[in-house]
Amino acid sequence: MQRSNSFYYWNKEQGPTLLLEQNLAAHISNNEQRLDKKKQGLKGSFSSYGSWETSSSGTNKVTRKSIRFQVIVWTIERPDVSLSQVNMKFRVTLFWNAHIDVLKKEKEIDFQTGSWRMHGRSKAIFCSGNILEKGSSNEMLVDVPPLAILNANSFQAIGTPEVLLLREKDGLMRWSCLYKATLSQAEMTVTNFPHDTHYLRIQLGILQNRHAGAMWDRNVWDLNLATEDDSRGSTRTPHGLVVDRLKIPEFTMGSEGAEFSFVNLPRGFQAFTGTRDNKETCLHVSIKVKQQSTYYDINIIPLVTVITAVAITALFALDATNFFQRSLLMLNCAFVEVGLRMNIDNRLPRARYQIKLQKILNHFFYMPLFLVLESGCLH
């Protein structure tokens, strides 16, 4: 019981908060090691983002001009296949390199004393010491990428977004926010119910100020996945994951976990003309889930199979001269299947098209009726 209670608190608020603290502690430890090496005349251990180069994992390449995503999925409620939507709780963390050195020259600021906080949706403000009044000479504003959840019907930020300067030399910034959102799933259908498979998607992007010459010009700022240099081992996978032990009611999740990919997003006039110039990209986080079909496979299908088998035995137990008795037995089996079908329909997803289970039950119902017609022709 103690283990389950600890997992409950970890999955609610403790886990998302502690992961950020682990990430911060890893960066502080790395900066301290770098300062020790600098005193000894050695080169620092972290990368310069001035040009293309590999991260410590050797898998991803990033530039100084990049916005890097990390997404951690904490809970997934039962998907509503009828409305094609699902409720999720997930944390989005953005890493980017701000021009802290330029801003610091304008104002003498000591980042060791003070705190960061959000100022609106797209600005972060740093206040030195205990001075928190807007307009103080010790304040500094930094632009924050305006995150957009593209497929959200509604969403709610849990707590306040956190912003922090992780590394002063190259201006490595981190912005993070925990969301609870109702996400639209445009490709979700129940055609193969109860053996249907779905890809639950979170679509994230930066849409504002992406035009030429703007703050987040798409020709200057690329969208990438977070690297090991950003996460510093705070998560098993640098760019994000689905937490262990996550359970989805009535569904099972694929062993591959979450898949991350960037896809083109038509914008403005391109959405109607189909042109491919300067397309915007967005991040797709896909989680493969499969409907649990055990209830139907074990309780429903064997039952209607036995009922249909009883109707078929009438062909062997009674000859064609006993047409009335034979037809009566077959029709009784058919009426039992009709009653069963009506009860099952109340528990099936509501859709304006025929789903797989309905098609199977229809075939079982048609079989006794076909046998009655055949017996009548023989009689």
Foldseek 3Di string as FASTA:
>chain_A
DVVVVVVVVCLPPVVVVVLVVVQLVLLVVLVVVQVVCVVVVHHRDADAQCDWDAHPVRPDTHHLQAKAKAKEWRAWEAQQLQQQKTKTKMKIKIKHFWPLVVQCVVAPEDQVAWAWDDDPQFKIKTAGHPDDDPPDSRIDITTHQRKDFVFFPDKDWDDGWGKDQSDRPRRIIMIMTIMITIGHHVPRHQQAPPFDKDKDKTKMFRDPQCDPPGPSPCVRYYYHHADCSNSVPSDPHRRYWYDPPHDYPQKDWDPVTKDKDKDFDADDPCVPVVDDPPTGIIIIIITMMTGDCVCCVPPPVVVLVVLLVQLVCLPVVDDLVPLVVSLVSLVVSLVVLVVVVVVVVVVDRDDPDDHDVNVVSVVSNVNSVVVSVVSVVVD
